[in-house]
Amino acid sequence: EYAERTGMSASQYAASFAPYSTITVAIGDGEGEGAAGSIYYQTPVTLSGTLADGSPYRRTGTITLRRVNDVDGATPAQLRWHLDGIVWDD
């Protein structure tokens, strides 16, 4: 689902991870807020690890999760948290 929102096919999205040999994800403390029937949760994120060529990497940014607020008629899928977006610092 997130691959489609990036404008890439699922195979293109999967291929975008090819340069990485290892990926470690660290999530910090975040903050939630409600708006227009949805709940948003933003938190700092750090990706680090090793590239396929053996060199280390580190990326920081903010990840946003979203779900529909507890409204009548919301489906179980709408009530689950979904990746809404990632904004990288670099």
C-alpha atoms as a PDB file:
ATOM      1  CA  GLU A   1       0.000   0.000   0.000  1.00  0.00           C
ATOM      2  CA  TYR A   2       2.743   2.530   0.883  1.00  0.00           C
ATOM      3  CA  ALA A   3       4.595   1.643  -2.327  1.00  0.00           C
ATOM      4  CA  GLU A   4       1.579   2.775  -4.347  1.00  0.00           C
ATOM      5  CA  ARG A   5       1.505   6.141  -2.538  1.00  0.00           C
ATOM      6  CA  THR A   6       5.178   6.728  -3.435  1.00  0.00           C
ATOM      7  CA  GLY A   7       4.351   6.447  -7.123  1.00  0.00           C
ATOM      8  CA  MET A   8       6.400   3.238  -7.423  1.00  0.00           C
ATOM      9  CA  SER A   9       5.205  -0.258  -8.157  1.00  0.00           C
ATOM     10  CA  ALA A  10       5.679  -2.839  -5.395  1.00  0.00           C
ATOM     11  CA  SER A  11       8.680  -4.301  -7.253  1.00  0.00           C
ATOM     12  CA  GLN A  12      10.254  -0.849  -7.723  1.00  0.00           C
ATOM     13  CA  TYR A  13       9.728  -0.080  -4.039  1.00  0.00           C
ATOM     14  CA  ALA A  14      11.321  -3.397  -3.028  1.00  0.00           C
ATOM     15  CA  ALA A  15      14.249  -2.732  -5.411  1.00  0.00           C
ATOM     16  CA  SER A  16      14.861   0.622  -3.692  1.00  0.00           C
ATOM     17  CA  PHE A  17      16.138  -1.373  -0.704  1.00  0.00           C
ATOM     18  CA  ALA A  18      18.749  -3.271  -2.770  1.00  0.00           C
ATOM     19  CA  PRO A  19      21.655  -0.943  -1.778  1.00  0.00           C
ATOM     20  CA  TYR A  20      21.224  -1.924   1.882  1.00  0.00           C
ATOM     21  CA  SER A  21      22.851  -4.986   3.413  1.00  0.00           C
ATOM     22  CA  THR A  22      21.450  -4.356   6.914  1.00  0.00           C
ATOM     23  CA  ILE A  23      18.819  -1.956   8.221  1.00  0.00           C
ATOM     24  CA  THR A  24      18.289  -1.041  11.879  1.00  0.00           C
ATOM     25  CA  VAL A  25      15.329   1.174  12.765  1.00  0.00           C
ATOM     26  CA  ALA A  26      15.254   3.266  15.959  1.00  0.00           C
ATOM     27  CA  ILE A  27      12.057   5.100  16.878  1.00  0.00           C
ATOM     28  CA  GLY A  28      12.036   7.947  19.400  1.00  0.00           C
ATOM     29  CA  ASP A  29       9.268   9.329  21.572  1.00  0.00           C
ATOM     30  CA  GLY A  30       6.546  10.889  19.489  1.00  0.00           C
ATOM     31  CA  GLU A  31       3.477  13.024  19.722  1.00  0.00           C
ATOM     32  CA  GLY A  32      -0.085  12.427  18.623  1.00  0.00           C
ATOM     33  CA  GLU A  33      -2.834  14.777  17.515  1.00  0.00           C
ATOM     34  CA  GLY A  34      -6.269  14.527  16.009  1.00  0.00           C
ATOM     35  CA  ALA A  35      -7.518  16.325  12.905  1.00  0.00           C
ATOM     36  CA  ALA A  36     -10.509  15.977  10.580  1.00  0.00           C
ATOM     37  CA  GLY A  37     -11.543  12.487  11.710  1.00  0.00           C
ATOM     38  CA  SER A  38      -8.019  11.039  11.794  1.00  0.00           C
ATOM     39  CA  ILE A  39      -5.365  10.610  14.449  1.00  0.00           C
ATOM     40  CA  TYR A  40      -1.763  11.358  13.500  1.00  0.00           C
ATOM     41  CA  TYR A  41       1.336  10.247  15.399  1.00  0.00           C
ATOM     42  CA  GLN A  42       4.717  11.753  14.530  1.00  0.00           C
ATOM     43  CA  THR A  43       7.987  10.448  15.889  1.00  0.00           C
ATOM     44  CA  PRO A  44      11.684  10.808  15.102  1.00  0.00           C
ATOM     45  CA  VAL A  45      13.185   7.837  13.259  1.00  0.00           C
ATOM     46  CA  THR A  46      16.785   6.796  12.601  1.00  0.00           C
ATOM     47  CA  LEU A  47      17.821   4.220  10.006  1.00  0.00           C
ATOM     48  CA  SER A  48      21.351   2.884  10.238  1.00  0.00           C
ATOM     49  CA  GLY A  49      23.309  -0.130   9.121  1.00  0.00           C
ATOM     50  CA  THR A  50      25.570  -1.294   6.337  1.00  0.00           C
ATOM     51  CA  LEU A  51      25.285  -0.744   2.604  1.00  0.00           C
ATOM     52  CA  ALA A  52      25.843  -3.585   0.141  1.00  0.00           C
ATOM     53  CA  ASP A  53      29.381  -2.265  -0.471  1.00  0.00           C
ATOM     54  CA  GLY A  54      30.174  -2.601   3.265  1.00  0.00           C
ATOM     55  CA  SER A  55      30.118   1.104   4.139  1.00  0.00           C
ATOM     56  CA  PRO A  56      28.026   2.328   7.083  1.00  0.00           C
ATOM     57  CA  TYR A  57      25.084   4.710   6.706  1.00  0.00           C
ATOM     58  CA  ARG A  58      22.791   6.680   9.011  1.00  0.00           C
ATOM     59  CA  ARG A  59      19.619   8.580   8.106  1.00  0.00           C
ATOM     60  CA  THR A  60      17.350  10.583  10.399  1.00  0.00           C
ATOM     61  CA  GLY A  61      13.904  11.996   9.871  1.00  0.00           C
ATOM     62  CA  THR A  62      10.322  12.046  11.053  1.00  0.00           C
ATOM     63  CA  ILE A  63       7.791   9.292  10.451  1.00  0.00           C
ATOM     64  CA  THR A  64       4.040   9.942  10.486  1.00  0.00           C
ATOM     65  CA  LEU A  65       1.471   7.242  11.257  1.00  0.00           C
ATOM     66  CA  ARG A  66      -2.254   7.749  10.741  1.00  0.00           C
ATOM     67  CA  ARG A  67      -5.502   6.014  11.535  1.00  0.00           C
ATOM     68  CA  VAL A  68      -9.170   6.927  11.422  1.00  0.00           C
ATOM     69  CA  ASN A  69     -10.534   8.238  14.681  1.00  0.00           C
ATOM     70  CA  ASP A  70     -13.025   6.009  16.496  1.00  0.00           C
ATOM     71  CA  VAL A  71     -16.031   6.959  14.363  1.00  0.00           C
ATOM     72  CA  ASP A  72     -19.175   4.948  13.711  1.00  0.00           C
ATOM     73  CA  GLY A  73     -18.844   2.807  10.622  1.00  0.00           C
ATOM     74  CA  ALA A  74     -15.022   2.773  10.541  1.00  0.00           C
ATOM     75  CA  THR A  75     -13.702  -0.536   9.243  1.00  0.00           C
ATOM     76  CA  PRO A  76     -11.048  -2.546  11.109  1.00  0.00           C
ATOM     77  CA  ALA A  77      -8.564  -1.647   8.350  1.00  0.00           C
ATOM     78  CA  GLN A  78      -9.277   2.072   8.821  1.00  0.00           C
ATOM     79  CA  LEU A  79      -8.768   1.772  12.580  1.00  0.00           C
ATOM     80  CA  ARG A  80      -5.269   0.257  12.172  1.00  0.00           C
ATOM     81  CA  TRP A  81      -2.213   2.500  12.119  1.00  0.00           C
ATOM     82  CA  HIS A  82      -0.779   3.087   8.624  1.00  0.00           C
ATOM     83  CA  LEU A  83       2.438   4.677   7.465  1.00  0.00           C
ATOM     84  CA  ASP A  84       1.380   8.102   6.210  1.00  0.00           C
ATOM     85  CA  GLY A  85       4.810   9.405   5.288  1.00  0.00           C
ATOM     86  CA  ILE A  86       8.475   9.878   6.088  1.00  0.00           C
ATOM     87  CA  VAL A  87      10.373  13.161   5.830  1.00  0.00           C
ATOM     88  CA  TRP A  88      14.165  12.720   5.836  1.00  0.00           C
ATOM     89  CA  ASP A  89      16.449  15.363   7.320  1.00  0.00           C
ATOM     90  CA  ASP A  90      19.065  14.820   4.617  1.00  0.00           C
END
